[in-house]
Amino acid sequence: TDNANSRMAAAPGDARRQMAGLLEDFVQNVRGVRHALLISRDGL
């Protein structure tokens, strides 16, 4: 969180890849989790 401004300045594609990496780490590291998604509130 201390470098949030530099992360937000990153290209959207880079940020999406980083967020996907967080989801993949979550699935690998949390016992029993099969899948994780970040979706829009309207279901996309």
PDB file of all heavy atoms in Angstrom:
ATOM      1  N   THR A   1       0.811  -1.214   0.000  1.00  0.00           N
ATOM      2  CA  THR A   1       0.000   0.000   0.000  1.00  0.00           C
ATOM      3  C   THR A   1       0.850   1.272   0.000  1.00  0.00           C
ATOM      4  O   THR A   1       0.375   2.311  -0.395  1.00  0.00           O
ATOM      5  CB  THR A   1      -0.942   0.017   1.211  1.00  0.00           C
ATOM      6  OG1 THR A   1      -0.171  -0.141   2.399  1.00  0.00           O
ATOM      7  CG2 THR A   1      -1.984  -1.070   1.087  1.00  0.00           C
ATOM      8  N   ASP A   2       2.117   1.214   0.414  1.00  0.00           N
ATOM      9  CA  ASP A   2       2.927   2.422   0.447  1.00  0.00           C
ATOM     10  C   ASP A   2       3.353   2.884  -0.943  1.00  0.00           C
ATOM     11  O   ASP A   2       3.792   4.012  -1.108  1.00  0.00           O
ATOM     12  CB  ASP A   2       4.150   2.245   1.346  1.00  0.00           C
ATOM     13  CG  ASP A   2       5.051   1.102   0.900  1.00  0.00           C
ATOM     14  OD1 ASP A   2       4.659   0.329   0.000  1.00  0.00           O
ATOM     15  OD2 ASP A   2       6.144   0.985   1.469  1.00  0.00           O
ATOM     16  N   ASN A   3       3.206   2.080  -1.965  1.00  0.00           N
ATOM     17  CA  ASN A   3       3.518   2.529  -3.311  1.00  0.00           C
ATOM     18  C   ASN A   3       2.292   2.431  -4.213  1.00  0.00           C
ATOM     19  O   ASN A   3       2.389   2.131  -5.386  1.00  0.00           O
ATOM     20  CB  ASN A   3       4.717   1.788  -3.889  1.00  0.00           C
ATOM     21  CG  ASN A   3       4.470   0.299  -4.057  1.00  0.00           C
ATOM     22  OD1 ASN A   3       3.405  -0.208  -3.703  1.00  0.00           O
ATOM     23  ND2 ASN A   3       5.441  -0.383  -4.602  1.00  0.00           N
ATOM     24  N   ALA A   4       1.130   2.724  -3.635  1.00  0.00           N
ATOM     25  CA  ALA A   4      -0.126   2.633  -4.380  1.00  0.00           C
ATOM     26  C   ALA A   4      -0.129   3.540  -5.598  1.00  0.00           C
ATOM     27  O   ALA A   4      -0.639   3.169  -6.654  1.00  0.00           O
ATOM     28  CB  ALA A   4      -1.308   2.975  -3.467  1.00  0.00           C
ATOM     29  N   ASN A   5       0.439   4.731  -5.482  1.00  0.00           N
ATOM     30  CA  ASN A   5       0.431   5.659  -6.616  1.00  0.00           C
ATOM     31  C   ASN A   5       1.216   5.105  -7.795  1.00  0.00           C
ATOM     32  O   ASN A   5       0.792   5.228  -8.944  1.00  0.00           O
ATOM     33  CB  ASN A   5       0.985   7.024  -6.201  1.00  0.00           C
ATOM     34  CG  ASN A   5       0.059   7.730  -5.246  1.00  0.00           C
ATOM     35  OD1 ASN A   5      -1.143   7.471  -5.226  1.00  0.00           O
ATOM     36  ND2 ASN A   5       0.618   8.613  -4.439  1.00  0.00           N
ATOM     37  N   SER A   6       2.350   4.466  -7.533  1.00  0.00           N
ATOM     38  CA  SER A   6       3.122   3.905  -8.650  1.00  0.00           C
ATOM     39  C   SER A   6       2.387   2.726  -9.267  1.00  0.00           C
ATOM     40  O   SER A   6       2.451   2.523 -10.460  1.00  0.00           O
ATOM     41  CB  SER A   6       4.514   3.495  -8.182  1.00  0.00           C
ATOM     42  OG  SER A   6       4.428   2.434  -7.251  1.00  0.00           O
ATOM     43  N   ARG A   7       1.649   1.952  -8.477  1.00  0.00           N
ATOM     44  CA  ARG A   7       0.880   0.839  -9.017  1.00  0.00           C
ATOM     45  C   ARG A   7      -0.259   1.348  -9.889  1.00  0.00           C
ATOM     46  O   ARG A   7      -0.519   0.810 -10.944  1.00  0.00           O
ATOM     47  CB  ARG A   7       0.310  -0.036  -7.896  1.00  0.00           C
ATOM     48  CG  ARG A   7       1.355  -0.718  -7.070  1.00  0.00           C
ATOM     49  CD  ARG A   7       1.935  -1.862  -7.829  1.00  0.00           C
ATOM     50  NE  ARG A   7       2.916  -2.518  -6.974  1.00  0.00           N
ATOM     51  CZ  ARG A   7       3.664  -3.493  -7.354  1.00  0.00           C
ATOM     52  NH1 ARG A   7       3.583  -3.955  -8.559  1.00  0.00           N
ATOM     53  NH2 ARG A   7       4.519  -4.022  -6.533  1.00  0.00           N
ATOM     54  N   MET A   8      -0.957   2.379  -9.434  1.00  0.00           N
ATOM     55  CA  MET A   8      -2.077   2.910 -10.208  1.00  0.00           C
ATOM     56  C   MET A   8      -1.576   3.558 -11.496  1.00  0.00           C
ATOM     57  O   MET A   8      -2.295   3.604 -12.480  1.00  0.00           O
ATOM     58  CB  MET A   8      -2.890   3.915  -9.388  1.00  0.00           C
ATOM     59  CG  MET A   8      -3.773   3.252  -8.341  1.00  0.00           C
ATOM     60  SD  MET A   8      -4.927   2.047  -9.008  1.00  0.00           S
ATOM     61  CE  MET A   8      -6.010   3.096  -9.949  1.00  0.00           C
ATOM     62  N   ALA A   9      -0.335   4.037 -11.503  1.00  0.00           N
ATOM     63  CA  ALA A   9       0.215   4.654 -12.705  1.00  0.00           C
ATOM     64  C   ALA A   9       0.604   3.614 -13.744  1.00  0.00           C
ATOM     65  O   ALA A   9       0.822   3.941 -14.898  1.00  0.00           O
ATOM     66  CB  ALA A   9       1.433   5.505 -12.337  1.00  0.00           C
ATOM     67  N   ALA A  10       0.698   2.356 -13.326  1.00  0.00           N
ATOM     68  CA  ALA A  10       1.044   1.285 -14.257  1.00  0.00           C
ATOM     69  C   ALA A  10      -0.049   1.142 -15.308  1.00  0.00           C
ATOM     70  O   ALA A  10      -1.190   1.483 -15.090  1.00  0.00           O
ATOM     71  CB  ALA A  10       1.223  -0.027 -13.505  1.00  0.00           C
ATOM     72  N   ALA A  11       0.322   0.618 -16.442  1.00  0.00           N
ATOM     73  CA  ALA A  11      -0.647   0.390 -17.511  1.00  0.00           C
ATOM     74  C   ALA A  11      -1.732  -0.553 -17.018  1.00  0.00           C
ATOM     75  O   ALA A  11      -1.453  -1.469 -16.243  1.00  0.00           O
ATOM     76  CB  ALA A  11       0.059  -0.196 -18.723  1.00  0.00           C
ATOM     77  N   PRO A  12      -2.982  -0.359 -17.478  1.00  0.00           N
ATOM     78  CA  PRO A  12      -4.071  -1.242 -17.031  1.00  0.00           C
ATOM     79  C   PRO A  12      -3.773  -2.722 -17.245  1.00  0.00           C
ATOM     80  O   PRO A  12      -4.120  -3.545 -16.410  1.00  0.00           O
ATOM     81  CB  PRO A  12      -5.268  -0.777 -17.863  1.00  0.00           C
ATOM     82  CG  PRO A  12      -4.986   0.654 -18.174  1.00  0.00           C
ATOM     83  CD  PRO A  12      -3.477   0.719 -18.332  1.00  0.00           C
ATOM     84  N   GLY A  13      -3.112  -3.076 -18.349  1.00  0.00           N
ATOM     85  CA  GLY A  13      -2.783  -4.480 -18.592  1.00  0.00           C
ATOM     86  C   GLY A  13      -1.844  -5.028 -17.537  1.00  0.00           C
ATOM     87  O   GLY A  13      -1.994  -6.168 -17.091  1.00  0.00           O
ATOM     88  N   ASP A  14      -0.855  -4.217 -17.129  1.00  0.00           N
ATOM     89  CA  ASP A  14       0.055  -4.637 -16.063  1.00  0.00           C
ATOM     90  C   ASP A  14      -0.697  -4.827 -14.756  1.00  0.00           C
ATOM     91  O   ASP A  14      -0.484  -5.803 -14.049  1.00  0.00           O
ATOM     92  CB  ASP A  14       1.171  -3.611 -15.864  1.00  0.00           C
ATOM     93  CG  ASP A  14       2.130  -3.547 -17.028  1.00  0.00           C
ATOM     94  OD1 ASP A  14       2.171  -4.518 -17.825  1.00  0.00           O
ATOM     95  OD2 ASP A  14       2.836  -2.526 -17.153  1.00  0.00           O
ATOM     96  N   ALA A  15      -1.577  -3.896 -14.431  1.00  0.00           N
ATOM     97  CA  ALA A  15      -2.350  -3.989 -13.192  1.00  0.00           C
ATOM     98  C   ALA A  15      -3.247  -5.224 -13.218  1.00  0.00           C
ATOM     99  O   ALA A  15      -3.361  -5.935 -12.217  1.00  0.00           O
ATOM    100  CB  ALA A  15      -3.172  -2.721 -12.985  1.00  0.00           C
ATOM    101  N   ARG A  16      -3.872  -5.495 -14.344  1.00  0.00           N
ATOM    102  CA  ARG A  16      -4.721  -6.692 -14.447  1.00  0.00           C
ATOM    103  C   ARG A  16      -3.892  -7.956 -14.242  1.00  0.00           C
ATOM    104  O   ARG A  16      -4.325  -8.882 -13.556  1.00  0.00           O
ATOM    105  CB  ARG A  16      -5.438  -6.732 -15.802  1.00  0.00           C
ATOM    106  CG  ARG A  16      -6.626  -5.787 -15.869  1.00  0.00           C
ATOM    107  CD  ARG A  16      -7.457  -6.027 -17.101  1.00  0.00           C
ATOM    108  NE  ARG A  16      -6.754  -5.718 -18.341  1.00  0.00           N
ATOM    109  CZ  ARG A  16      -6.737  -4.535 -18.934  1.00  0.00           C
ATOM    110  NH1 ARG A  16      -7.395  -3.528 -18.406  1.00  0.00           N
ATOM    111  NH2 ARG A  16      -6.080  -4.353 -20.050  1.00  0.00           N
ATOM    112  N   ARG A  17      -2.701  -8.001 -14.823  1.00  0.00           N
ATOM    113  CA  ARG A  17      -1.830  -9.170 -14.632  1.00  0.00           C
ATOM    114  C   ARG A  17      -1.423  -9.308 -13.162  1.00  0.00           C
ATOM    115  O   ARG A  17      -1.372 -10.420 -12.628  1.00  0.00           O
ATOM    116  CB  ARG A  17      -0.587  -9.074 -15.523  1.00  0.00           C
ATOM    117  CG  ARG A  17      -0.864  -9.479 -16.973  1.00  0.00           C
ATOM    118  CD  ARG A  17       0.401  -9.587 -17.789  1.00  0.00           C
ATOM    119  NE  ARG A  17       1.050  -8.304 -18.015  1.00  0.00           N
ATOM    120  CZ  ARG A  17       0.678  -7.418 -18.938  1.00  0.00           C
ATOM    121  NH1 ARG A  17      -0.335  -7.686 -19.730  1.00  0.00           N
ATOM    122  NH2 ARG A  17       1.312  -6.278 -19.076  1.00  0.00           N
ATOM    123  N   GLN A  18      -1.127  -8.202 -12.511  1.00  0.00           N
ATOM    124  CA  GLN A  18      -0.761  -8.249 -11.100  1.00  0.00           C
ATOM    125  C   GLN A  18      -1.941  -8.720 -10.251  1.00  0.00           C
ATOM    126  O   GLN A  18      -1.769  -9.531  -9.330  1.00  0.00           O
ATOM    127  CB  GLN A  18      -0.261  -6.884 -10.638  1.00  0.00           C
ATOM    128  CG  GLN A  18       1.068  -6.521 -11.258  1.00  0.00           C
ATOM    129  CD  GLN A  18       1.432  -5.063 -11.076  1.00  0.00           C
ATOM    130  OE1 GLN A  18       0.650  -4.263 -10.571  1.00  0.00           O
ATOM    131  NE2 GLN A  18       2.633  -4.696 -11.494  1.00  0.00           N
ATOM    132  N   MET A  19      -3.136  -8.248 -10.579  1.00  0.00           N
ATOM    133  CA  MET A  19      -4.329  -8.676  -9.844  1.00  0.00           C
ATOM    134  C   MET A  19      -4.595 -10.163 -10.094  1.00  0.00           C
ATOM    135  O   MET A  19      -4.948 -10.892  -9.164  1.00  0.00           O
ATOM    136  CB  MET A  19      -5.527  -7.818 -10.235  1.00  0.00           C
ATOM    137  CG  MET A  19      -5.363  -6.372  -9.795  1.00  0.00           C
ATOM    138  SD  MET A  19      -6.655  -5.310 -10.425  1.00  0.00           S
ATOM    139  CE  MET A  19      -7.876  -5.527  -9.127  1.00  0.00           C
ATOM    140  N   ALA A  20      -4.405 -10.619 -11.320  1.00  0.00           N
ATOM    141  CA  ALA A  20      -4.560 -12.048 -11.622  1.00  0.00           C
ATOM    142  C   ALA A  20      -3.545 -12.861 -10.823  1.00  0.00           C
ATOM    143  O   ALA A  20      -3.866 -13.938 -10.308  1.00  0.00           O
ATOM    144  CB  ALA A  20      -4.397 -12.296 -13.123  1.00  0.00           C
ATOM    145  N   GLY A  21      -2.339 -12.351 -10.682  1.00  0.00           N
ATOM    146  CA  GLY A  21      -1.325 -13.024  -9.878  1.00  0.00           C
ATOM    147  C   GLY A  21      -1.747 -13.138  -8.415  1.00  0.00           C
ATOM    148  O   GLY A  21      -1.524 -14.170  -7.779  1.00  0.00           O
ATOM    149  N   LEU A  22      -2.370 -12.086  -7.900  1.00  0.00           N
ATOM    150  CA  LEU A  22      -2.873 -12.144  -6.525  1.00  0.00           C
ATOM    151  C   LEU A  22      -3.946 -13.221  -6.385  1.00  0.00           C
ATOM    152  O   LEU A  22      -3.963 -13.971  -5.397  1.00  0.00           O
ATOM    153  CB  LEU A  22      -3.440 -10.785  -6.101  1.00  0.00           C
ATOM    154  CG  LEU A  22      -2.433  -9.661  -5.893  1.00  0.00           C
ATOM    155  CD1 LEU A  22      -3.154  -8.338  -5.653  1.00  0.00           C
ATOM    156  CD2 LEU A  22      -1.500  -9.984  -4.737  1.00  0.00           C
ATOM    157  N   LEU A  23      -4.830 -13.305  -7.378  1.00  0.00           N
ATOM    158  CA  LEU A  23      -5.874 -14.336  -7.341  1.00  0.00           C
ATOM    159  C   LEU A  23      -5.270 -15.740  -7.420  1.00  0.00           C
ATOM    160  O   LEU A  23      -5.682 -16.650  -6.696  1.00  0.00           O
ATOM    161  CB  LEU A  23      -6.875 -14.128  -8.475  1.00  0.00           C
ATOM    162  CG  LEU A  23      -7.786 -12.913  -8.345  1.00  0.00           C
ATOM    163  CD1 LEU A  23      -8.579 -12.715  -9.631  1.00  0.00           C
ATOM    164  CD2 LEU A  23      -8.711 -13.039  -7.153  1.00  0.00           C
ATOM    165  N   GLU A  24      -4.289 -15.921  -8.296  1.00  0.00           N
ATOM    166  CA  GLU A  24      -3.649 -17.226  -8.440  1.00  0.00           C
ATOM    167  C   GLU A  24      -2.920 -17.618  -7.162  1.00  0.00           C
ATOM    168  O   GLU A  24      -2.999 -18.779  -6.721  1.00  0.00           O
ATOM    169  CB  GLU A  24      -2.713 -17.211  -9.642  1.00  0.00           C
ATOM    170  CG  GLU A  24      -3.466 -17.146 -10.959  1.00  0.00           C
ATOM    171  CD  GLU A  24      -2.599 -16.760 -12.143  1.00  0.00           C
ATOM    172  OE1 GLU A  24      -1.357 -16.819 -12.044  1.00  0.00           O
ATOM    173  OE2 GLU A  24      -3.182 -16.396 -13.179  1.00  0.00           O
ATOM    174  N   ASP A  25      -2.219 -16.666  -6.534  1.00  0.00           N
ATOM    175  CA  ASP A  25      -1.553 -16.939  -5.256  1.00  0.00           C
ATOM    176  C   ASP A  25      -2.577 -17.329  -4.195  1.00  0.00           C
ATOM    177  O   ASP A  25      -2.353 -18.250  -3.406  1.00  0.00           O
ATOM    178  CB  ASP A  25      -0.768 -15.718  -4.771  1.00  0.00           C
ATOM    179  CG  ASP A  25       0.501 -15.477  -5.550  1.00  0.00           C
ATOM    180  OD1 ASP A  25       0.941 -16.376  -6.305  1.00  0.00           O
ATOM    181  OD2 ASP A  25       1.062 -14.366  -5.423  1.00  0.00           O
ATOM    182  N   PHE A  26      -3.698 -16.642  -4.180  1.00  0.00           N
ATOM    183  CA  PHE A  26      -4.762 -16.931  -3.227  1.00  0.00           C
ATOM    184  C   PHE A  26      -5.243 -18.374  -3.379  1.00  0.00           C
ATOM    185  O   PHE A  26      -5.353 -19.115  -2.399  1.00  0.00           O
ATOM    186  CB  PHE A  26      -5.907 -15.937  -3.433  1.00  0.00           C
ATOM    187  CG  PHE A  26      -7.090 -16.141  -2.539  1.00  0.00           C
ATOM    188  CD1 PHE A  26      -7.098 -15.632  -1.248  1.00  0.00           C
ATOM    189  CD2 PHE A  26      -8.206 -16.838  -2.980  1.00  0.00           C
ATOM    190  CE1 PHE A  26      -8.189 -15.826  -0.413  1.00  0.00           C
ATOM    191  CE2 PHE A  26      -9.301 -17.030  -2.162  1.00  0.00           C
ATOM    192  CZ  PHE A  26      -9.293 -16.521  -0.869  1.00  0.00           C
ATOM    193  N   VAL A  27      -5.497 -18.785  -4.619  1.00  0.00           N
ATOM    194  CA  VAL A  27      -5.978 -20.148  -4.877  1.00  0.00           C
ATOM    195  C   VAL A  27      -4.923 -21.170  -4.459  1.00  0.00           C
ATOM    196  O   VAL A  27      -5.252 -22.212  -3.876  1.00  0.00           O
ATOM    197  CB  VAL A  27      -6.371 -20.316  -6.362  1.00  0.00           C
ATOM    198  CG1 VAL A  27      -6.625 -21.773  -6.717  1.00  0.00           C
ATOM    199  CG2 VAL A  27      -7.595 -19.462  -6.685  1.00  0.00           C
ATOM    200  N   GLN A  28      -3.669 -20.894  -4.719  1.00  0.00           N
ATOM    201  CA  GLN A  28      -2.600 -21.839  -4.384  1.00  0.00           C
ATOM    202  C   GLN A  28      -2.346 -21.919  -2.883  1.00  0.00           C
ATOM    203  O   GLN A  28      -1.951 -22.973  -2.376  1.00  0.00           O
ATOM    204  CB  GLN A  28      -1.310 -21.452  -5.093  1.00  0.00           C
ATOM    205  CG  GLN A  28      -1.353 -21.658  -6.585  1.00  0.00           C
ATOM    206  CD  GLN A  28      -0.098 -21.158  -7.277  1.00  0.00           C
ATOM    207  OE1 GLN A  28       0.810 -20.625  -6.642  1.00  0.00           O
ATOM    208  NE2 GLN A  28      -0.061 -21.312  -8.581  1.00  0.00           N
ATOM    209  N   ASN A  29      -2.564 -20.819  -2.163  1.00  0.00           N
ATOM    210  CA  ASN A  29      -2.148 -20.746  -0.766  1.00  0.00           C
ATOM    211  C   ASN A  29      -3.256 -20.884   0.267  1.00  0.00           C
ATOM    212  O   ASN A  29      -2.960 -21.021   1.452  1.00  0.00           O
ATOM    213  CB  ASN A  29      -1.389 -19.443  -0.520  1.00  0.00           C
ATOM    214  CG  ASN A  29      -0.084 -19.416  -1.278  1.00  0.00           C
ATOM    215  OD1 ASN A  29       0.639 -20.397  -1.303  1.00  0.00           O
ATOM    216  ND2 ASN A  29       0.210 -18.302  -1.909  1.00  0.00           N
ATOM    217  N   VAL A  30      -4.513 -20.838  -0.137  1.00  0.00           N
ATOM    218  CA  VAL A  30      -5.606 -20.951   0.833  1.00  0.00           C
ATOM    219  C   VAL A  30      -6.223 -22.338   0.689  1.00  0.00           C
ATOM    220  O   VAL A  30      -6.770 -22.675  -0.366  1.00  0.00           O
ATOM    221  CB  VAL A  30      -6.656 -19.834   0.649  1.00  0.00           C
ATOM    222  CG1 VAL A  30      -7.794 -20.002   1.652  1.00  0.00           C
ATOM    223  CG2 VAL A  30      -6.008 -18.461   0.800  1.00  0.00           C
ATOM    224  N   ARG A  31      -6.111 -23.109   1.731  1.00  0.00           N
ATOM    225  CA  ARG A  31      -6.566 -24.501   1.713  1.00  0.00           C
ATOM    226  C   ARG A  31      -8.048 -24.595   1.346  1.00  0.00           C
ATOM    227  O   ARG A  31      -8.887 -23.900   1.903  1.00  0.00           O
ATOM    228  CB  ARG A  31      -6.336 -25.135   3.066  1.00  0.00           C
ATOM    229  CG  ARG A  31      -6.853 -26.568   3.139  1.00  0.00           C
ATOM    230  CD  ARG A  31      -6.522 -27.191   4.422  1.00  0.00           C
ATOM    231  NE  ARG A  31      -5.125 -27.623   4.274  1.00  0.00           N
ATOM    232  CZ  ARG A  31      -4.444 -28.233   5.217  1.00  0.00           C
ATOM    233  NH1 ARG A  31      -4.991 -28.476   6.366  1.00  0.00           N
ATOM    234  NH2 ARG A  31      -3.206 -28.601   5.004  1.00  0.00           N
ATOM    235  N   GLY A  32      -8.329 -25.455   0.368  1.00  0.00           N
ATOM    236  CA  GLY A  32      -9.706 -25.732  -0.020  1.00  0.00           C
ATOM    237  C   GLY A  32     -10.254 -24.842  -1.126  1.00  0.00           C
ATOM    238  O   GLY A  32     -11.322 -25.109  -1.653  1.00  0.00           O
ATOM    239  N   VAL A  33      -9.538 -23.778  -1.487  1.00  0.00           N
ATOM    240  CA  VAL A  33     -10.024 -22.867  -2.526  1.00  0.00           C
ATOM    241  C   VAL A  33      -9.699 -23.437  -3.900  1.00  0.00           C
ATOM    242  O   VAL A  33      -8.567 -23.857  -4.154  1.00  0.00           O
ATOM    243  CB  VAL A  33      -9.426 -21.451  -2.361  1.00  0.00           C
ATOM    244  CG1 VAL A  33      -9.746 -20.577  -3.557  1.00  0.00           C
ATOM    245  CG2 VAL A  33      -9.940 -20.818  -1.078  1.00  0.00           C
ATOM    246  N   ARG A  34     -10.694 -23.460  -4.766  1.00  0.00           N
ATOM    247  CA  ARG A  34     -10.524 -23.961  -6.139  1.00  0.00           C
ATOM    248  C   ARG A  34     -10.322 -22.834  -7.142  1.00  0.00           C
ATOM    249  O   ARG A  34      -9.517 -22.945  -8.051  1.00  0.00           O
ATOM    250  CB  ARG A  34     -11.751 -24.762  -6.556  1.00  0.00           C
ATOM    251  CG  ARG A  34     -11.940 -26.035  -5.811  1.00  0.00           C
ATOM    252  CD  ARG A  34     -13.199 -26.729  -6.289  1.00  0.00           C
ATOM    253  NE  ARG A  34     -13.386 -27.987  -5.609  1.00  0.00           N
ATOM    254  CZ  ARG A  34     -14.499 -28.675  -5.662  1.00  0.00           C
ATOM    255  NH1 ARG A  34     -15.528 -28.238  -6.359  1.00  0.00           N
ATOM    256  NH2 ARG A  34     -14.605 -29.816  -5.027  1.00  0.00           N
ATOM    257  N   HIS A  35     -11.129 -21.782  -7.025  1.00  0.00           N
ATOM    258  CA  HIS A  35     -11.102 -20.694  -8.002  1.00  0.00           C
ATOM    259  C   HIS A  35     -11.388 -19.369  -7.313  1.00  0.00           C
ATOM    260  O   HIS A  35     -12.084 -19.328  -6.294  1.00  0.00           O
ATOM    261  CB  HIS A  35     -12.174 -20.900  -9.084  1.00  0.00           C
ATOM    262  CG  HIS A  35     -12.104 -22.208  -9.773  1.00  0.00           C
ATOM    263  ND1 HIS A  35     -11.090 -22.537 -10.643  1.00  0.00           N
ATOM    264  CD2 HIS A  35     -12.919 -23.294  -9.738  1.00  0.00           C
ATOM    265  CE1 HIS A  35     -11.284 -23.754 -11.099  1.00  0.00           C
ATOM    266  NE2 HIS A  35     -12.389 -24.244 -10.567  1.00  0.00           N
ATOM    267  N   ALA A  36     -10.867 -18.288  -7.904  1.00  0.00           N
ATOM    268  CA  ALA A  36     -11.154 -16.936  -7.426  1.00  0.00           C
ATOM    269  C   ALA A  36     -11.310 -16.022  -8.633  1.00  0.00           C
ATOM    270  O   ALA A  36     -10.584 -16.156  -9.617  1.00  0.00           O
ATOM    271  CB  ALA A  36     -10.043 -16.445  -6.512  1.00  0.00           C
ATOM    272  N   LEU A  37     -12.271 -15.110  -8.536  1.00  0.00           N
ATOM    273  CA  LEU A  37     -12.535 -14.160  -9.618  1.00  0.00           C
ATOM    274  C   LEU A  37     -12.757 -12.780  -9.034  1.00  0.00           C
ATOM    275  O   LEU A  37     -13.306 -12.648  -7.936  1.00  0.00           O
ATOM    276  CB  LEU A  37     -13.828 -14.507 -10.365  1.00  0.00           C
ATOM    277  CG  LEU A  37     -14.079 -15.866 -10.930  1.00  0.00           C
ATOM    278  CD1 LEU A  37     -14.725 -16.778  -9.921  1.00  0.00           C
ATOM    279  CD2 LEU A  37     -14.998 -15.705 -12.111  1.00  0.00           C
ATOM    280  N   LEU A  38     -12.378 -11.785  -9.774  1.00  0.00           N
ATOM    281  CA  LEU A  38     -12.788 -10.416  -9.483  1.00  0.00           C
ATOM    282  C   LEU A  38     -13.772 -10.065 -10.588  1.00  0.00           C
ATOM    283  O   LEU A  38     -13.432 -10.156 -11.773  1.00  0.00           O
ATOM    284  CB  LEU A  38     -11.602  -9.456  -9.482  1.00  0.00           C
ATOM    285  CG  LEU A  38     -11.934  -8.054  -8.983  1.00  0.00           C
ATOM    286  CD1 LEU A  38     -12.271  -8.078  -7.489  1.00  0.00           C
ATOM    287  CD2 LEU A  38     -10.768  -7.109  -9.240  1.00  0.00           C
ATOM    288  N   ILE A  39     -14.987  -9.723 -10.193  1.00  0.00           N
ATOM    289  CA  ILE A  39     -16.044  -9.462 -11.157  1.00  0.00           C
ATOM    290  C   ILE A  39     -16.584  -8.060 -10.953  1.00  0.00           C
ATOM    291  O   ILE A  39     -16.389  -7.450  -9.903  1.00  0.00           O
ATOM    292  CB  ILE A  39     -17.176 -10.506 -11.047  1.00  0.00           C
ATOM    293  CG1 ILE A  39     -17.878 -10.420  -9.691  1.00  0.00           C
ATOM    294  CG2 ILE A  39     -16.628 -11.901 -11.273  1.00  0.00           C
ATOM    295  CD1 ILE A  39     -19.083 -11.341  -9.546  1.00  0.00           C
ATOM    296  N   SER A  40     -17.288  -7.563 -11.952  1.00  0.00           N
ATOM    297  CA  SER A  40     -17.970  -6.287 -11.793  1.00  0.00           C
ATOM    298  C   SER A  40     -19.265  -6.517 -11.041  1.00  0.00           C
ATOM    299  O   SER A  40     -19.811  -7.621 -11.046  1.00  0.00           O
ATOM    300  CB  SER A  40     -18.246  -5.639 -13.155  1.00  0.00           C
ATOM    301  OG  SER A  40     -19.206  -6.382 -13.867  1.00  0.00           O
ATOM    302  N   ARG A  41     -19.765  -5.471 -10.395  1.00  0.00           N
ATOM    303  CA  ARG A  41     -21.010  -5.599  -9.634  1.00  0.00           C
ATOM    304  C   ARG A  41     -22.166  -6.010 -10.524  1.00  0.00           C
ATOM    305  O   ARG A  41     -23.141  -6.574 -10.052  1.00  0.00           O
ATOM    306  CB  ARG A  41     -21.347  -4.278  -8.949  1.00  0.00           C
ATOM    307  CG  ARG A  41     -20.440  -3.898  -7.814  1.00  0.00           C
ATOM    308  CD  ARG A  41     -20.796  -4.589  -6.528  1.00  0.00           C
ATOM    309  NE  ARG A  41     -22.149  -4.323  -6.113  1.00  0.00           N
ATOM    310  CZ  ARG A  41     -22.523  -3.311  -5.352  1.00  0.00           C
ATOM    311  NH1 ARG A  41     -21.621  -2.463  -4.898  1.00  0.00           N
ATOM    312  NH2 ARG A  41     -23.775  -3.148  -5.027  1.00  0.00           N
ATOM    313  N   ASP A  42     -22.074  -5.716 -11.824  1.00  0.00           N
ATOM    314  CA  ASP A  42     -23.169  -6.115 -12.712  1.00  0.00           C
ATOM    315  C   ASP A  42     -22.922  -7.495 -13.332  1.00  0.00           C
ATOM    316  O   ASP A  42     -23.594  -7.885 -14.272  1.00  0.00           O
ATOM    317  CB  ASP A  42     -23.466  -5.058 -13.768  1.00  0.00           C
ATOM    318  CG  ASP A  42     -22.266  -4.672 -14.589  1.00  0.00           C
ATOM    319  OD1 ASP A  42     -21.157  -5.156 -14.315  1.00  0.00           O
ATOM    320  OD2 ASP A  42     -22.429  -3.871 -15.516  1.00  0.00           O
ATOM    321  N   GLY A  43     -21.965  -8.249 -12.794  1.00  0.00           N
ATOM    322  CA  GLY A  43     -21.827  -9.650 -13.139  1.00  0.00           C
ATOM    323  C   GLY A  43     -20.963  -9.994 -14.323  1.00  0.00           C
ATOM    324  O   GLY A  43     -21.177 -11.017 -14.970  1.00  0.00           O
ATOM    325  N   LEU A  44     -19.956  -9.193 -14.593  1.00  0.00           N
ATOM    326  CA  LEU A  44     -19.036  -9.491 -15.696  1.00  0.00           C
ATOM    327  C   LEU A  44     -17.659  -9.836 -15.151  1.00  0.00           C
ATOM    328  O   LEU A  44     -17.157  -9.181 -14.238  1.00  0.00           O
ATOM    329  CB  LEU A  44     -18.947  -8.288 -16.640  1.00  0.00           C
ATOM    330  CG  LEU A  44     -20.273  -7.901 -17.286  1.00  0.00           C
ATOM    331  CD1 LEU A  44     -20.142  -6.575 -17.996  1.00  0.00           C
ATOM    332  CD2 LEU A  44     -20.754  -8.976 -18.230  1.00  0.00           C
TER     333      LEU A  44
END
